[in-house]
Amino acid sequence: MTTVPPEAQADIPPRCAATASSIPPAPAPDAADRAGGRWLPVISWDRLPREYGVAALLDGIRVAVFRTEDDRLFASSDVDPDTGVGVLSRGIMGDAAGQPTITSPLLKAVYRLTDGSCLTNPALRLPLHTARVREGLVEVLVEEETR
């Protein structure tokens, strides 16, 4: 369980503080071996705000990590398939029929975070990544074929 020292809690907005029960379960430990990739750290779970995204550059790959209001964790490319610009981490999180979405801040394309499909343009698809929380850190699986 990750705990935040009392002196650091003032830096965390109340809706961002995580508890052990809010940390999502990690994928199977051998997922990286099967995928031919490796897990790279992005941010502390306690520092990832709900309903926001965080961008990271992992082995030259731009990724965005998102935490929903109900503490589900998603990771995708940070590059908007519609514009080619790395902005999705700054998009607006939402919901479509119970599925979490991210809306690009540029041309407002809406992508489903569960499968990468675009709700506003079926020709577009958002590449997704596998993410987990391990020892209090959000990690993203960077697979060999994406490097």
N, C-alpha and C. Protein backbone atom coordinates (compact mmCIF):
# COMPACT_ATOMS: atom_id res chain seq x y z
N MET A 1 0.85 -1.18 0.00
CA MET A 1 0.00 0.00 0.00
C MET A 1 0.88 1.23 0.00
N THR A 2 0.52 2.21 -0.81
CA THR A 2 1.25 3.45 -0.87
C THR A 2 0.58 4.44 0.07
N THR A 3 1.36 5.06 0.92
CA THR A 3 0.82 6.08 1.80
C THR A 3 1.55 7.39 1.53
N VAL A 4 0.85 8.47 1.73
CA VAL A 4 1.41 9.79 1.52
C VAL A 4 1.69 10.38 2.88
N PRO A 5 2.92 10.84 3.15
CA PRO A 5 3.22 11.45 4.44
C PRO A 5 2.32 12.65 4.68
N PRO A 6 1.95 12.92 5.94
CA PRO A 6 1.04 14.04 6.24
C PRO A 6 1.54 15.37 5.69
N GLU A 7 2.85 15.63 5.71
CA GLU A 7 3.36 16.90 5.23
C GLU A 7 3.19 17.06 3.72
N ALA A 8 3.07 15.96 2.98
CA ALA A 8 2.90 16.02 1.52
C ALA A 8 1.44 16.04 1.11
N GLN A 9 0.54 15.70 2.03
CA GLN A 9 -0.88 15.63 1.68
C GLN A 9 -1.45 16.97 1.28
N ALA A 10 -0.88 18.05 1.77
CA ALA A 10 -1.38 19.37 1.40
C ALA A 10 -1.19 19.65 -0.08
N ASP A 11 -0.23 18.97 -0.73
CA ASP A 11 0.03 19.17 -2.15
C ASP A 11 -0.95 18.42 -3.03
N ILE A 12 -1.69 17.48 -2.47
CA ILE A 12 -2.59 16.65 -3.27
C ILE A 12 -4.02 17.15 -3.11
N PRO A 13 -4.68 17.52 -4.21
CA PRO A 13 -6.08 17.91 -4.10
C PRO A 13 -6.88 16.76 -3.50
N PRO A 14 -7.90 17.05 -2.68
CA PRO A 14 -8.64 16.00 -1.99
C PRO A 14 -9.17 14.91 -2.91
N ARG A 15 -9.61 15.24 -4.12
CA ARG A 15 -10.17 14.21 -4.98
C ARG A 15 -9.11 13.32 -5.62
N CYS A 16 -7.82 13.64 -5.38
CA CYS A 16 -6.74 12.86 -5.97
C CYS A 16 -6.16 11.85 -4.99
N ALA A 17 -6.42 12.00 -3.72
CA ALA A 17 -5.82 11.10 -2.74
C ALA A 17 -6.33 9.68 -2.96
N ALA A 18 -5.42 8.73 -3.06
CA ALA A 18 -5.79 7.34 -3.32
C ALA A 18 -5.75 6.54 -2.04
N THR A 19 -6.55 5.51 -2.00
CA THR A 19 -6.51 4.56 -0.90
C THR A 19 -6.15 3.22 -1.48
N ALA A 20 -5.79 2.30 -0.63
CA ALA A 20 -5.42 0.97 -1.12
C ALA A 20 -6.56 0.34 -1.91
N SER A 21 -7.80 0.58 -1.50
CA SER A 21 -8.92 -0.02 -2.22
C SER A 21 -9.17 0.62 -3.57
N SER A 22 -8.62 1.84 -3.82
CA SER A 22 -8.86 2.49 -5.09
C SER A 22 -7.79 2.19 -6.13
N ILE A 23 -6.73 1.49 -5.74
CA ILE A 23 -5.69 1.15 -6.70
C ILE A 23 -6.15 -0.06 -7.51
N PRO A 24 -6.19 0.08 -8.85
CA PRO A 24 -6.68 -1.02 -9.67
C PRO A 24 -5.72 -2.21 -9.64
N PRO A 25 -6.26 -3.41 -9.86
CA PRO A 25 -5.38 -4.59 -9.89
C PRO A 25 -4.45 -4.55 -11.09
N ALA A 26 -3.25 -5.06 -10.91
CA ALA A 26 -2.27 -5.09 -11.99
C ALA A 26 -2.56 -6.25 -12.92
N PRO A 27 -2.21 -6.12 -14.21
CA PRO A 27 -2.32 -7.25 -15.12
C PRO A 27 -1.42 -8.39 -14.66
N ALA A 28 -1.56 -9.52 -15.27
CA ALA A 28 -0.75 -10.69 -14.91
C ALA A 28 0.73 -10.34 -14.94
N PRO A 29 1.53 -10.83 -13.97
CA PRO A 29 2.93 -10.45 -13.89
C PRO A 29 3.75 -10.82 -15.12
N ASP A 30 3.34 -11.81 -15.87
CA ASP A 30 4.13 -12.22 -17.03
C ASP A 30 3.68 -11.55 -18.32
N ALA A 31 2.83 -10.52 -18.25
CA ALA A 31 2.32 -9.88 -19.47
C ALA A 31 3.46 -9.28 -20.29
N ALA A 32 4.45 -8.69 -19.64
CA ALA A 32 5.57 -8.09 -20.38
C ALA A 32 6.36 -9.15 -21.12
N ASP A 33 6.58 -10.29 -20.48
CA ASP A 33 7.32 -11.36 -21.14
C ASP A 33 6.58 -11.87 -22.36
N ARG A 34 5.26 -12.05 -22.25
CA ARG A 34 4.47 -12.54 -23.38
C ARG A 34 4.45 -11.54 -24.52
N ALA A 35 4.43 -10.25 -24.19
CA ALA A 35 4.32 -9.22 -25.22
C ALA A 35 5.67 -8.83 -25.80
N GLY A 36 6.74 -9.27 -25.19
CA GLY A 36 8.06 -8.88 -25.68
C GLY A 36 8.37 -7.44 -25.40
N GLY A 37 7.89 -6.93 -24.29
CA GLY A 37 8.12 -5.53 -23.93
C GLY A 37 8.57 -5.41 -22.49
N ARG A 38 8.52 -4.17 -22.02
CA ARG A 38 8.87 -3.96 -20.62
C ARG A 38 8.00 -2.86 -20.04
N TRP A 39 7.81 -2.93 -18.72
CA TRP A 39 7.00 -1.96 -18.00
C TRP A 39 7.87 -0.74 -17.66
N LEU A 40 7.39 0.45 -17.98
CA LEU A 40 8.11 1.68 -17.68
C LEU A 40 7.24 2.57 -16.79
N PRO A 41 7.84 3.16 -15.74
CA PRO A 41 7.06 3.99 -14.83
C PRO A 41 6.69 5.34 -15.45
N VAL A 42 5.50 5.83 -15.07
CA VAL A 42 5.02 7.11 -15.59
C VAL A 42 4.82 8.12 -14.46
N ILE A 43 4.05 7.74 -13.44
CA ILE A 43 3.68 8.67 -12.38
C ILE A 43 3.22 7.87 -11.18
N SER A 44 3.33 8.46 -10.02
CA SER A 44 2.79 7.85 -8.81
C SER A 44 1.27 7.83 -8.91
N TRP A 45 0.65 6.72 -8.51
CA TRP A 45 -0.81 6.62 -8.53
C TRP A 45 -1.43 7.76 -7.72
N ASP A 46 -0.83 8.10 -6.61
CA ASP A 46 -1.34 9.17 -5.76
C ASP A 46 -1.30 10.53 -6.43
N ARG A 47 -0.47 10.70 -7.40
CA ARG A 47 -0.32 11.99 -8.10
C ARG A 47 -1.14 12.07 -9.39
N LEU A 48 -1.74 10.98 -9.82
CA LEU A 48 -2.54 10.98 -11.05
C LEU A 48 -3.97 11.40 -10.69
N PRO A 49 -4.36 12.62 -11.06
CA PRO A 49 -5.69 13.10 -10.69
C PRO A 49 -6.79 12.31 -11.41
N ARG A 50 -7.92 12.20 -10.74
CA ARG A 50 -9.08 11.58 -11.38
C ARG A 50 -9.60 12.51 -12.47
N GLU A 51 -10.06 11.88 -13.57
CA GLU A 51 -10.64 12.59 -14.71
C GLU A 51 -9.64 13.50 -15.43
N TYR A 52 -8.36 13.13 -15.36
CA TYR A 52 -7.32 13.87 -16.06
C TYR A 52 -6.36 12.89 -16.73
N GLY A 53 -5.57 13.41 -17.65
CA GLY A 53 -4.55 12.63 -18.30
C GLY A 53 -3.17 13.20 -18.01
N VAL A 54 -2.17 12.34 -18.13
CA VAL A 54 -0.78 12.74 -17.96
C VAL A 54 0.00 12.18 -19.15
N ALA A 55 0.85 13.00 -19.74
CA ALA A 55 1.65 12.57 -20.88
C ALA A 55 3.02 12.12 -20.42
N ALA A 56 3.60 11.18 -21.17
CA ALA A 56 4.96 10.72 -20.90
C ALA A 56 5.60 10.30 -22.22
N LEU A 57 6.91 10.42 -22.26
CA LEU A 57 7.68 9.94 -23.40
C LEU A 57 8.45 8.72 -22.92
N LEU A 58 8.07 7.54 -23.40
CA LEU A 58 8.66 6.28 -22.97
C LEU A 58 9.37 5.62 -24.14
N ASP A 59 10.67 5.54 -24.08
CA ASP A 59 11.46 4.95 -25.18
C ASP A 59 11.09 5.57 -26.52
N GLY A 60 10.88 6.89 -26.53
CA GLY A 60 10.54 7.59 -27.76
C GLY A 60 9.09 7.51 -28.17
N ILE A 61 8.25 6.88 -27.35
CA ILE A 61 6.83 6.73 -27.65
C ILE A 61 6.04 7.67 -26.76
N ARG A 62 5.18 8.51 -27.36
CA ARG A 62 4.34 9.42 -26.59
C ARG A 62 3.11 8.67 -26.10
N VAL A 63 2.96 8.59 -24.78
CA VAL A 63 1.80 7.92 -24.20
C VAL A 63 1.02 8.89 -23.32
N ALA A 64 -0.24 8.58 -23.13
CA ALA A 64 -1.11 9.33 -22.21
C ALA A 64 -1.72 8.31 -21.26
N VAL A 65 -1.73 8.66 -19.98
CA VAL A 65 -2.30 7.79 -18.95
C VAL A 65 -3.48 8.54 -18.34
N PHE A 66 -4.60 7.83 -18.17
CA PHE A 66 -5.83 8.44 -17.67
C PHE A 66 -6.36 7.66 -16.48
N ARG A 67 -6.92 8.40 -15.52
CA ARG A 67 -7.58 7.80 -14.35
C ARG A 67 -9.01 8.31 -14.32
N THR A 68 -9.95 7.38 -14.31
CA THR A 68 -11.36 7.78 -14.30
C THR A 68 -11.80 8.13 -12.88
N GLU A 69 -12.97 8.70 -12.78
CA GLU A 69 -13.53 9.07 -11.48
C GLU A 69 -13.68 7.85 -10.57
N ASP A 70 -13.94 6.69 -11.15
CA ASP A 70 -14.09 5.46 -10.35
C ASP A 70 -12.78 4.65 -10.29
N ASP A 71 -11.65 5.33 -10.51
CA ASP A 71 -10.31 4.76 -10.35
C ASP A 71 -9.95 3.66 -11.33
N ARG A 72 -10.50 3.69 -12.53
CA ARG A 72 -10.02 2.78 -13.57
C ARG A 72 -8.86 3.46 -14.29
N LEU A 73 -7.91 2.67 -14.74
CA LEU A 73 -6.68 3.17 -15.35
C LEU A 73 -6.65 2.79 -16.82
N PHE A 74 -6.33 3.77 -17.68
CA PHE A 74 -6.23 3.54 -19.12
C PHE A 74 -4.99 4.22 -19.65
N ALA A 75 -4.43 3.67 -20.71
CA ALA A 75 -3.27 4.28 -21.36
C ALA A 75 -3.47 4.20 -22.87
N SER A 76 -3.06 5.26 -23.55
CA SER A 76 -3.18 5.32 -25.00
C SER A 76 -2.00 6.10 -25.55
N SER A 77 -1.98 6.20 -26.86
CA SER A 77 -1.04 7.12 -27.49
C SER A 77 -1.45 8.53 -27.10
N ASP A 78 -0.49 9.42 -26.93
CA ASP A 78 -0.82 10.82 -26.67
C ASP A 78 -1.06 11.57 -27.99
N VAL A 79 -0.73 10.92 -29.10
CA VAL A 79 -0.86 11.55 -30.42
C VAL A 79 -2.28 11.37 -30.94
N ASP A 80 -2.92 12.47 -31.24
CA ASP A 80 -4.27 12.47 -31.78
C ASP A 80 -4.22 11.92 -33.21
N PRO A 81 -4.91 10.79 -33.49
CA PRO A 81 -4.89 10.22 -34.84
C PRO A 81 -5.44 11.16 -35.91
N ASP A 82 -6.28 12.10 -35.51
CA ASP A 82 -6.90 13.01 -36.47
C ASP A 82 -5.95 14.12 -36.91
N THR A 83 -5.05 14.56 -36.01
CA THR A 83 -4.19 15.70 -36.31
C THR A 83 -2.70 15.38 -36.29
N GLY A 84 -2.33 14.26 -35.65
CA GLY A 84 -0.92 13.92 -35.52
C GLY A 84 -0.18 14.70 -34.45
N VAL A 85 -0.91 15.41 -33.61
CA VAL A 85 -0.32 16.25 -32.57
C VAL A 85 -0.49 15.57 -31.20
N GLY A 86 0.53 15.64 -30.37
CA GLY A 86 0.50 15.02 -29.05
C GLY A 86 -0.25 15.85 -28.04
N VAL A 87 -1.57 15.69 -28.02
CA VAL A 87 -2.41 16.51 -27.14
C VAL A 87 -3.46 15.74 -26.36
N LEU A 88 -3.59 14.45 -26.58
CA LEU A 88 -4.71 13.73 -25.98
C LEU A 88 -4.68 13.74 -24.45
N SER A 89 -3.49 13.79 -23.85
CA SER A 89 -3.43 13.84 -22.39
C SER A 89 -4.10 15.10 -21.84
N ARG A 90 -4.25 16.11 -22.68
CA ARG A 90 -4.89 17.36 -22.28
C ARG A 90 -6.35 17.42 -22.72
N GLY A 91 -6.87 16.30 -23.20
CA GLY A 91 -8.25 16.25 -23.66
C GLY A 91 -9.24 16.22 -22.50
N ILE A 92 -10.51 16.17 -22.86
CA ILE A 92 -11.58 16.16 -21.88
C ILE A 92 -12.08 14.73 -21.71
N MET A 93 -11.99 14.23 -20.49
CA MET A 93 -12.49 12.88 -20.22
C MET A 93 -14.00 12.92 -20.10
N GLY A 94 -14.63 11.86 -20.57
CA GLY A 94 -16.08 11.79 -20.51
C GLY A 94 -16.54 10.36 -20.47
N ASP A 95 -17.79 10.17 -20.87
CA ASP A 95 -18.44 8.87 -20.79
C ASP A 95 -19.43 8.76 -21.93
N ALA A 96 -19.44 7.63 -22.60
CA ALA A 96 -20.42 7.35 -23.65
C ALA A 96 -20.99 5.97 -23.39
N ALA A 97 -22.23 5.92 -22.98
CA ALA A 97 -22.91 4.65 -22.69
C ALA A 97 -22.13 3.80 -21.69
N GLY A 98 -21.61 4.45 -20.66
CA GLY A 98 -20.88 3.74 -19.62
C GLY A 98 -19.43 3.44 -19.94
N GLN A 99 -18.95 3.85 -21.10
CA GLN A 99 -17.56 3.62 -21.51
C GLN A 99 -16.78 4.93 -21.39
N PRO A 100 -15.60 4.90 -20.77
CA PRO A 100 -14.81 6.14 -20.65
C PRO A 100 -14.30 6.60 -22.01
N THR A 101 -14.29 7.92 -22.19
CA THR A 101 -13.84 8.50 -23.46
C THR A 101 -12.86 9.64 -23.19
N ILE A 102 -12.12 9.97 -24.24
CA ILE A 102 -11.26 11.15 -24.22
C ILE A 102 -11.59 11.95 -25.50
N THR A 103 -11.82 13.24 -25.33
CA THR A 103 -12.11 14.11 -26.46
C THR A 103 -10.88 14.95 -26.75
N SER A 104 -10.41 14.89 -27.98
CA SER A 104 -9.24 15.66 -28.37
C SER A 104 -9.51 17.15 -28.20
N PRO A 105 -8.55 17.89 -27.62
CA PRO A 105 -8.76 19.33 -27.46
C PRO A 105 -8.68 20.11 -28.77
N LEU A 106 -8.24 19.48 -29.87
CA LEU A 106 -8.11 20.20 -31.13
C LEU A 106 -9.37 20.13 -31.98
N LEU A 107 -9.61 19.02 -32.64
CA LEU A 107 -10.77 18.92 -33.52
C LEU A 107 -11.95 18.21 -32.88
N LYS A 108 -11.84 17.93 -31.59
CA LYS A 108 -12.93 17.37 -30.78
C LYS A 108 -13.34 15.95 -31.16
N ALA A 109 -12.44 15.17 -31.74
CA ALA A 109 -12.73 13.76 -31.99
C ALA A 109 -12.83 13.06 -30.64
N VAL A 110 -13.80 12.15 -30.51
CA VAL A 110 -14.04 11.45 -29.24
C VAL A 110 -13.63 9.99 -29.40
N TYR A 111 -12.71 9.53 -28.53
CA TYR A 111 -12.19 8.17 -28.59
C TYR A 111 -12.61 7.39 -27.35
N ARG A 112 -13.01 6.16 -27.55
CA ARG A 112 -13.35 5.27 -26.45
C ARG A 112 -12.04 4.69 -25.89
N LEU A 113 -11.81 4.83 -24.59
CA LEU A 113 -10.57 4.35 -23.98
C LEU A 113 -10.54 2.84 -23.77
N THR A 114 -11.67 2.18 -23.93
CA THR A 114 -11.70 0.73 -23.76
C THR A 114 -11.25 -0.03 -25.00
N ASP A 115 -11.47 0.55 -26.19
CA ASP A 115 -11.10 -0.17 -27.41
C ASP A 115 -10.43 0.72 -28.47
N GLY A 116 -10.30 2.03 -28.23
CA GLY A 116 -9.63 2.92 -29.16
C GLY A 116 -10.48 3.42 -30.31
N SER A 117 -11.74 2.97 -30.38
CA SER A 117 -12.58 3.40 -31.50
C SER A 117 -12.94 4.87 -31.37
N CYS A 118 -13.12 5.52 -32.51
CA CYS A 118 -13.49 6.93 -32.55
C CYS A 118 -14.99 7.03 -32.76
N LEU A 119 -15.68 7.70 -31.87
CA LEU A 119 -17.14 7.81 -31.96
C LEU A 119 -17.58 8.87 -32.95
N THR A 120 -16.69 9.79 -33.30
CA THR A 120 -17.06 10.87 -34.22
C THR A 120 -16.58 10.63 -35.65
N ASN A 121 -15.65 9.70 -35.83
CA ASN A 121 -15.14 9.37 -37.16
C ASN A 121 -14.67 7.92 -37.15
N PRO A 122 -15.51 6.98 -37.59
CA PRO A 122 -15.16 5.56 -37.52
C PRO A 122 -13.88 5.18 -38.27
N ALA A 123 -13.37 6.06 -39.12
CA ALA A 123 -12.13 5.76 -39.84
C ALA A 123 -10.90 5.93 -38.96
N LEU A 124 -11.05 6.59 -37.82
CA LEU A 124 -9.93 6.83 -36.92
C LEU A 124 -9.90 5.78 -35.80
N ARG A 125 -8.71 5.50 -35.31
CA ARG A 125 -8.55 4.55 -34.20
C ARG A 125 -7.38 5.03 -33.34
N LEU A 126 -7.60 5.05 -32.03
CA LEU A 126 -6.58 5.47 -31.07
C LEU A 126 -5.81 4.25 -30.59
N PRO A 127 -4.48 4.22 -30.78
CA PRO A 127 -3.69 3.10 -30.26
C PRO A 127 -3.71 3.10 -28.73
N LEU A 128 -3.94 1.93 -28.16
CA LEU A 128 -3.99 1.78 -26.71
C LEU A 128 -2.76 1.04 -26.20
N HIS A 129 -2.45 1.25 -24.92
CA HIS A 129 -1.35 0.56 -24.25
C HIS A 129 -1.90 -0.10 -22.99
N THR A 130 -1.20 -1.10 -22.51
CA THR A 130 -1.55 -1.75 -21.26
C THR A 130 -0.90 -0.98 -20.12
N ALA A 131 -1.66 -0.74 -19.06
CA ALA A 131 -1.14 0.00 -17.91
C ALA A 131 -1.48 -0.77 -16.64
N ARG A 132 -0.69 -0.52 -15.61
CA ARG A 132 -0.93 -1.14 -14.31
C ARG A 132 -0.40 -0.22 -13.21
N VAL A 133 -0.79 -0.54 -11.97
CA VAL A 133 -0.22 0.12 -10.81
C VAL A 133 0.55 -0.95 -10.05
N ARG A 134 1.84 -0.67 -9.84
CA ARG A 134 2.70 -1.62 -9.14
C ARG A 134 3.52 -0.84 -8.11
N GLU A 135 3.39 -1.25 -6.87
CA GLU A 135 4.09 -0.58 -5.77
C GLU A 135 3.85 0.92 -5.78
N GLY A 136 2.62 1.31 -6.07
CA GLY A 136 2.24 2.72 -6.03
C GLY A 136 2.57 3.53 -7.27
N LEU A 137 3.21 2.90 -8.27
CA LEU A 137 3.56 3.60 -9.50
C LEU A 137 2.70 3.12 -10.67
N VAL A 138 2.26 4.07 -11.47
CA VAL A 138 1.57 3.72 -12.72
C VAL A 138 2.66 3.37 -13.73
N GLU A 139 2.53 2.20 -14.33
CA GLU A 139 3.49 1.74 -15.33
C GLU A 139 2.75 1.43 -16.62
N VAL A 140 3.43 1.65 -17.74
CA VAL A 140 2.87 1.35 -19.06
C VAL A 140 3.77 0.33 -19.72
N LEU A 141 3.15 -0.67 -20.35
CA LEU A 141 3.89 -1.70 -21.07
C LEU A 141 4.26 -1.17 -22.46
N VAL A 142 5.56 -1.05 -22.71
CA VAL A 142 6.05 -0.64 -24.02
C VAL A 142 6.47 -1.91 -24.75
N GLU A 143 5.75 -2.22 -25.78
CA GLU A 143 6.00 -3.47 -26.50
C GLU A 143 7.03 -3.26 -27.61
N GLU A 144 7.73 -4.33 -27.94
CA GLU A 144 8.82 -4.28 -28.93
C GLU A 144 8.36 -3.67 -30.26
N GLU A 145 7.17 -4.05 -30.74
CA GLU A 145 6.76 -3.58 -32.06
C GLU A 145 6.39 -2.11 -32.09
N THR A 146 6.19 -1.47 -30.92
CA THR A 146 5.83 -0.05 -30.92
C THR A 146 7.06 0.83 -30.76
N ARG A 147 8.23 0.24 -30.51
CA ARG A 147 9.45 1.05 -30.34
C ARG A 147 10.08 1.39 -31.64
